[in-house]
Amino acid sequence: MRLMCDSGKASWRKSSYSGSDNNNCVEVADNLPGLIPVRDSKRPSGPVVVFSAEGWGPFVAAVRGGRL
């Protein structure tokens, strides 16, 4: 399934999982119903990965569990 969103409407914030050294910064937007876009803060005009709301939880669990 391919998810599309208008990332221009996204309200971006730095993820709590980003490193404090500013080299591994991930931004997420949680203001788009049903979608969670993610981007690299160093490349704000670069690609955006979009998760469904249902897919976000398993993704975060995999990151927390060290599987990603």
PDB file of N, CA and C in Angstrom:
ATOM      1  N   MET A   1       0.849  -1.168   0.000  1.00  0.00           N
ATOM      2  CA  MET A   1       0.000   0.000   0.000  1.00  0.00           C
ATOM      3  C   MET A   1       0.896   1.232   0.000  1.00  0.00           C
ATOM      4  N   ARG A   2       0.561   2.190  -0.809  1.00  0.00           N
ATOM      5  CA  ARG A   2       1.311   3.439  -0.864  1.00  0.00           C
ATOM      6  C   ARG A   2       0.476   4.547  -0.247  1.00  0.00           C
ATOM      7  N   LEU A   3       1.040   5.214   0.733  1.00  0.00           N
ATOM      8  CA  LEU A   3       0.345   6.295   1.420  1.00  0.00           C
ATOM      9  C   LEU A   3       0.883   7.619   0.923  1.00  0.00           C
ATOM     10  N   MET A   4       0.006   8.543   0.678  1.00  0.00           N
ATOM     11  CA  MET A   4       0.394   9.870   0.204  1.00  0.00           C
ATOM     12  C   MET A   4      -0.124  10.905   1.187  1.00  0.00           C
ATOM     13  N   CYS A   5       0.640  11.975   1.335  1.00  0.00           N
ATOM     14  CA  CYS A   5       0.169  13.074   2.157  1.00  0.00           C
ATOM     15  C   CYS A   5       0.756  14.371   1.626  1.00  0.00           C
ATOM     16  N   ASP A   6       0.139  15.452   1.963  1.00  0.00           N
ATOM     17  CA  ASP A   6       0.640  16.775   1.622  1.00  0.00           C
ATOM     18  C   ASP A   6       1.523  17.211   2.776  1.00  0.00           C
ATOM     19  N   SER A   7       2.835  16.970   2.662  1.00  0.00           N
ATOM     20  CA  SER A   7       3.731  17.264   3.774  1.00  0.00           C
ATOM     21  C   SER A   7       3.868  18.759   4.029  1.00  0.00           C
ATOM     22  N   GLY A   8       3.376  19.596   3.114  1.00  0.00           N
ATOM     23  CA  GLY A   8       3.365  21.037   3.337  1.00  0.00           C
ATOM     24  C   GLY A   8       2.401  21.431   4.441  1.00  0.00           C
ATOM     25  N   LYS A   9       1.445  20.573   4.742  1.00  0.00           N
ATOM     26  CA  LYS A   9       0.479  20.843   5.814  1.00  0.00           C
ATOM     27  C   LYS A   9       0.917  20.234   7.137  1.00  0.00           C
ATOM     28  N   ALA A  10       2.028  19.517   7.106  1.00  0.00           N
ATOM     29  CA  ALA A  10       2.503  18.834   8.305  1.00  0.00           C
ATOM     30  C   ALA A  10       3.113  19.834   9.281  1.00  0.00           C
ATOM     31  N   SER A  11       2.863  19.595  10.550  1.00  0.00           N
ATOM     32  CA  SER A  11       3.471  20.368  11.625  1.00  0.00           C
ATOM     33  C   SER A  11       4.581  19.503  12.213  1.00  0.00           C
ATOM     34  N   TRP A  12       5.823  19.782  11.819  1.00  0.00           N
ATOM     35  CA  TRP A  12       6.957  18.937  12.155  1.00  0.00           C
ATOM     36  C   TRP A  12       7.485  19.215  13.556  1.00  0.00           C
ATOM     37  N   ARG A  13       7.957  18.139  14.220  1.00  0.00           N
ATOM     38  CA  ARG A  13       8.630  18.260  15.513  1.00  0.00           C
ATOM     39  C   ARG A  13       9.724  17.214  15.559  1.00  0.00           C
ATOM     40  N   LYS A  14      10.772  17.504  16.323  1.00  0.00           N
ATOM     41  CA  LYS A  14      11.868  16.555  16.458  1.00  0.00           C
ATOM     42  C   LYS A  14      11.393  15.362  17.281  1.00  0.00           C
ATOM     43  N   SER A  15      11.675  14.179  16.800  1.00  0.00           N
ATOM     44  CA  SER A  15      11.285  12.968  17.511  1.00  0.00           C
ATOM     45  C   SER A  15      12.054  12.831  18.809  1.00  0.00           C
ATOM     46  N   SER A  16      11.397  12.293  19.813  1.00  0.00           N
ATOM     47  CA  SER A  16      12.072  12.041  21.091  1.00  0.00           C
ATOM     48  C   SER A  16      13.131  10.949  20.955  1.00  0.00           C
ATOM     49  N   TYR A  17      13.127  10.217  19.851  1.00  0.00           N
ATOM     50  CA  TYR A  17      14.113   9.173  19.608  1.00  0.00           C
ATOM     51  C   TYR A  17      15.343   9.690  18.885  1.00  0.00           C
ATOM     52  N   SER A  18      15.359  10.963  18.518  1.00  0.00           N
ATOM     53  CA  SER A  18      16.523  11.535  17.848  1.00  0.00           C
ATOM     54  C   SER A  18      17.660  11.683  18.839  1.00  0.00           C
ATOM     55  N   GLY A  19      18.865  11.547  18.343  1.00  0.00           N
ATOM     56  CA  GLY A  19      20.034  11.713  19.204  1.00  0.00           C
ATOM     57  C   GLY A  19      20.231  13.169  19.596  1.00  0.00           C
ATOM     58  N   SER A  20      20.926  13.382  20.684  1.00  0.00           N
ATOM     59  CA  SER A  20      21.164  14.737  21.163  1.00  0.00           C
ATOM     60  C   SER A  20      22.323  15.406  20.442  1.00  0.00           C
ATOM     61  N   ASP A  21      23.036  14.671  19.590  1.00  0.00           N
ATOM     62  CA  ASP A  21      24.204  15.237  18.908  1.00  0.00           C
ATOM     63  C   ASP A  21      23.855  15.943  17.595  1.00  0.00           C
ATOM     64  N   ASN A  22      22.573  16.027  17.259  1.00  0.00           N
ATOM     65  CA  ASN A  22      22.081  16.694  16.043  1.00  0.00           C
ATOM     66  C   ASN A  22      22.524  16.031  14.750  1.00  0.00           C
ATOM     67  N   ASN A  23      23.120  14.842  14.802  1.00  0.00           N
ATOM     68  CA  ASN A  23      23.493  14.134  13.589  1.00  0.00           C
ATOM     69  C   ASN A  23      22.454  13.098  13.180  1.00  0.00           C
ATOM     70  N   ASN A  24      21.648  12.660  14.107  1.00  0.00           N
ATOM     71  CA  ASN A  24      20.631  11.648  13.837  1.00  0.00           C
ATOM     72  C   ASN A  24      19.266  12.199  14.198  1.00  0.00           C
ATOM     73  N   CYS A  25      18.857  13.242  13.517  1.00  0.00           N
ATOM     74  CA  CYS A  25      17.597  13.896  13.849  1.00  0.00           C
ATOM     75  C   CYS A  25      16.484  13.446  12.919  1.00  0.00           C
ATOM     76  N   VAL A  26      15.449  12.935  13.524  1.00  0.00           N
ATOM     77  CA  VAL A  26      14.267  12.526  12.793  1.00  0.00           C
ATOM     78  C   VAL A  26      13.130  13.438  13.224  1.00  0.00           C
ATOM     79  N   GLU A  27      12.370  13.922  12.257  1.00  0.00           N
ATOM     80  CA  GLU A  27      11.202  14.736  12.559  1.00  0.00           C
ATOM     81  C   GLU A  27       9.957  13.973  12.173  1.00  0.00           C
ATOM     82  N   VAL A  28       8.932  14.123  12.975  1.00  0.00           N
ATOM     83  CA  VAL A  28       7.645  13.497  12.707  1.00  0.00           C
ATOM     84  C   VAL A  28       6.563  14.562  12.759  1.00  0.00           C
ATOM     85  N   ALA A  29       5.475  14.282  12.098  1.00  0.00           N
ATOM     86  CA  ALA A  29       4.308  15.166  12.152  1.00  0.00           C
ATOM     87  C   ALA A  29       3.130  14.312  12.581  1.00  0.00           C
ATOM     88  N   ASP A  30       2.438  14.752  13.613  1.00  0.00           N
ATOM     89  CA  ASP A  30       1.303  13.966  14.089  1.00  0.00           C
ATOM     90  C   ASP A  30      -0.006  14.751  14.028  1.00  0.00           C
ATOM     91  N   ASN A  31      -0.058  15.715  13.114  1.00  0.00           N
ATOM     92  CA  ASN A  31      -1.272  16.515  12.976  1.00  0.00           C
ATOM     93  C   ASN A  31      -2.095  16.146  11.740  1.00  0.00           C
ATOM     94  N   LEU A  32      -1.738  15.075  11.057  1.00  0.00           N
ATOM     95  CA  LEU A  32      -2.473  14.639   9.867  1.00  0.00           C
ATOM     96  C   LEU A  32      -3.242  13.364  10.212  1.00  0.00           C
ATOM     97  N   PRO A  33      -4.547  13.424  10.315  1.00  0.00           N
ATOM     98  CA  PRO A  33      -5.342  12.268  10.750  1.00  0.00           C
ATOM     99  C   PRO A  33      -5.056  11.004   9.947  1.00  0.00           C
ATOM    100  N   GLY A  34      -4.695   9.941  10.665  1.00  0.00           N
ATOM    101  CA  GLY A  34      -4.476   8.643  10.043  1.00  0.00           C
ATOM    102  C   GLY A  34      -3.102   8.441   9.443  1.00  0.00           C
ATOM    103  N   LEU A  35      -2.258   9.485   9.395  1.00  0.00           N
ATOM    104  CA  LEU A  35      -0.938   9.400   8.776  1.00  0.00           C
ATOM    105  C   LEU A  35       0.137   9.941   9.710  1.00  0.00           C
ATOM    106  N   ILE A  36       1.325   9.320   9.650  1.00  0.00           N
ATOM    107  CA  ILE A  36       2.473   9.803  10.412  1.00  0.00           C
ATOM    108  C   ILE A  36       3.640   9.946   9.434  1.00  0.00           C
ATOM    109  N   PRO A  37       3.881  11.166   8.926  1.00  0.00           N
ATOM    110  CA  PRO A  37       5.049  11.376   8.064  1.00  0.00           C
ATOM    111  C   PRO A  37       6.318  11.521   8.900  1.00  0.00           C
ATOM    112  N   VAL A  38       7.433  11.033   8.355  1.00  0.00           N
ATOM    113  CA  VAL A  38       8.737  11.074   9.024  1.00  0.00           C
ATOM    114  C   VAL A  38       9.753  11.574   8.001  1.00  0.00           C
ATOM    115  N   ARG A  39      10.674  12.443   8.464  1.00  0.00           N
ATOM    116  CA  ARG A  39      11.717  12.943   7.561  1.00  0.00           C
ATOM    117  C   ARG A  39      13.016  13.168   8.333  1.00  0.00           C
ATOM    118  N   ASP A  40      14.080  13.324   7.575  1.00  0.00           N
ATOM    119  CA  ASP A  40      15.394  13.653   8.117  1.00  0.00           C
ATOM    120  C   ASP A  40      15.447  15.165   8.289  1.00  0.00           C
ATOM    121  N   SER A  41      15.711  15.624   9.503  1.00  0.00           N
ATOM    122  CA  SER A  41      15.699  17.064   9.754  1.00  0.00           C
ATOM    123  C   SER A  41      16.801  17.799   9.005  1.00  0.00           C
ATOM    124  N   LYS A  42      17.844  17.094   8.611  1.00  0.00           N
ATOM    125  CA  LYS A  42      18.924  17.724   7.861  1.00  0.00           C
ATOM    126  C   LYS A  42      18.541  17.943   6.402  1.00  0.00           C
ATOM    127  N   ARG A  43      17.482  17.280   5.957  1.00  0.00           N
ATOM    128  CA  ARG A  43      17.023  17.408   4.563  1.00  0.00           C
ATOM    129  C   ARG A  43      15.512  17.651   4.549  1.00  0.00           C
ATOM    130  N   PRO A  44      15.057  18.793   5.050  1.00  0.00           N
ATOM    131  CA  PRO A  44      13.620  19.036   5.156  1.00  0.00           C
ATOM    132  C   PRO A  44      12.882  19.018   3.816  1.00  0.00           C
ATOM    133  N   SER A  45      13.586  19.269   2.729  1.00  0.00           N
ATOM    134  CA  SER A  45      12.914  19.203   1.426  1.00  0.00           C
ATOM    135  C   SER A  45      13.139  17.852   0.761  1.00  0.00           C
ATOM    136  N   GLY A  46      13.787  16.933   1.470  1.00  0.00           N
ATOM    137  CA  GLY A  46      14.053  15.601   0.939  1.00  0.00           C
ATOM    138  C   GLY A  46      12.853  14.682   1.065  1.00  0.00           C
ATOM    139  N   PRO A  47      13.086  13.390   0.895  1.00  0.00           N
ATOM    140  CA  PRO A  47      11.975  12.429   0.930  1.00  0.00           C
ATOM    141  C   PRO A  47      11.323  12.327   2.297  1.00  0.00           C
ATOM    142  N   VAL A  48      10.058  11.962   2.264  1.00  0.00           N
ATOM    143  CA  VAL A  48       9.255  11.759   3.472  1.00  0.00           C
ATOM    144  C   VAL A  48       8.720  10.334   3.439  1.00  0.00           C
ATOM    145  N   VAL A  49       8.891   9.622   4.536  1.00  0.00           N
ATOM    146  CA  VAL A  49       8.310   8.286   4.680  1.00  0.00           C
ATOM    147  C   VAL A  49       7.006   8.467   5.432  1.00  0.00           C
ATOM    148  N   VAL A  50       5.937   7.877   4.912  1.00  0.00           N
ATOM    149  CA  VAL A  50       4.627   8.042   5.536  1.00  0.00           C
ATOM    150  C   VAL A  50       4.138   6.698   6.061  1.00  0.00           C
ATOM    151  N   PHE A  51       3.845   6.663   7.349  1.00  0.00           N
ATOM    152  CA  PHE A  51       3.283   5.482   7.991  1.00  0.00           C
ATOM    153  C   PHE A  51       1.786   5.683   8.168  1.00  0.00           C
ATOM    154  N   SER A  52       1.044   4.598   8.103  1.00  0.00           N
ATOM    155  CA  SER A  52      -0.355   4.669   8.517  1.00  0.00           C
ATOM    156  C   SER A  52      -0.356   4.755  10.038  1.00  0.00           C
ATOM    157  N   ALA A  53      -1.433   5.258  10.594  1.00  0.00           N
ATOM    158  CA  ALA A  53      -1.533   5.325  12.052  1.00  0.00           C
ATOM    159  C   ALA A  53      -1.408   3.922  12.658  1.00  0.00           C
ATOM    160  N   GLU A  54      -1.950   2.914  11.970  1.00  0.00           N
ATOM    161  CA  GLU A  54      -1.891   1.539  12.458  1.00  0.00           C
ATOM    162  C   GLU A  54      -0.478   0.984  12.385  1.00  0.00           C
ATOM    163  N   GLY A  55       0.322   1.419  11.429  1.00  0.00           N
ATOM    164  CA  GLY A  55       1.689   0.929  11.262  1.00  0.00           C
ATOM    165  C   GLY A  55       2.697   1.622  12.147  1.00  0.00           C
ATOM    166  N   TRP A  56       2.352   2.790  12.683  1.00  0.00           N
ATOM    167  CA  TRP A  56       3.284   3.565  13.494  1.00  0.00           C
ATOM    168  C   TRP A  56       3.664   2.838  14.790  1.00  0.00           C
ATOM    169  N   GLY A  57       2.692   2.290  15.484  1.00  0.00           N
ATOM    170  CA  GLY A  57       2.956   1.594  16.749  1.00  0.00           C
ATOM    171  C   GLY A  57       3.939   0.446  16.589  1.00  0.00           C
ATOM    172  N   PRO A  58       3.726  -0.462  15.639  1.00  0.00           N
ATOM    173  CA  PRO A  58       4.687  -1.550  15.436  1.00  0.00           C
ATOM    174  C   PRO A  58       6.085  -1.046  15.042  1.00  0.00           C
ATOM    175  N   PHE A  59       6.149   0.031  14.279  1.00  0.00           N
ATOM    176  CA  PHE A  59       7.446   0.606  13.912  1.00  0.00           C
ATOM    177  C   PHE A  59       8.181   1.106  15.159  1.00  0.00           C
ATOM    178  N   VAL A  60       7.490   1.879  15.995  1.00  0.00           N
ATOM    179  CA  VAL A  60       8.103   2.404  17.221  1.00  0.00           C
ATOM    180  C   VAL A  60       8.515   1.255  18.136  1.00  0.00           C
ATOM    181  N   ALA A  61       7.696   0.222  18.228  1.00  0.00           N
ATOM    182  CA  ALA A  61       8.037  -0.944  19.068  1.00  0.00           C
ATOM    183  C   ALA A  61       9.303  -1.616  18.553  1.00  0.00           C
ATOM    184  N   ALA A  62       9.467  -1.715  17.242  1.00  0.00           N
ATOM    185  CA  ALA A  62      10.669  -2.322  16.661  1.00  0.00           C
ATOM    186  C   ALA A  62      11.902  -1.478  16.953  1.00  0.00           C
ATOM    187  N   VAL A  63      11.763  -0.150  16.894  1.00  0.00           N
ATOM    188  CA  VAL A  63      12.885   0.739  17.231  1.00  0.00           C
ATOM    189  C   VAL A  63      13.248   0.574  18.704  1.00  0.00           C
ATOM    190  N   ARG A  64      12.246   0.621  19.565  1.00  0.00           N
ATOM    191  CA  ARG A  64      12.489   0.456  21.019  1.00  0.00           C
ATOM    192  C   ARG A  64      13.142  -0.883  21.329  1.00  0.00           C
ATOM    193  N   GLY A  65      12.721  -1.904  20.618  1.00  0.00           N
ATOM    194  CA  GLY A  65      13.246  -3.251  20.859  1.00  0.00           C
ATOM    195  C   GLY A  65      14.591  -3.516  20.206  1.00  0.00           C
ATOM    196  N   GLY A  66      15.134  -2.526  19.497  1.00  0.00           N
ATOM    197  CA  GLY A  66      16.440  -2.688  18.862  1.00  0.00           C
ATOM    198  C   GLY A  66      16.421  -3.531  17.611  1.00  0.00           C
ATOM    199  N   ARG A  67      15.248  -3.766  17.044  1.00  0.00           N
ATOM    200  CA  ARG A  67      15.143  -4.581  15.838  1.00  0.00           C
ATOM    201  C   ARG A  67      15.374  -3.768  14.577  1.00  0.00           C
ATOM    202  N   LEU A  68      15.442  -2.458  14.694  1.00  0.00           N
ATOM    203  CA  LEU A  68      15.720  -1.569  13.553  1.00  0.00           C
ATOM    204  C   LEU A  68      16.865  -0.659  13.869  1.00  0.00           C
TER     205      LEU A  68
END
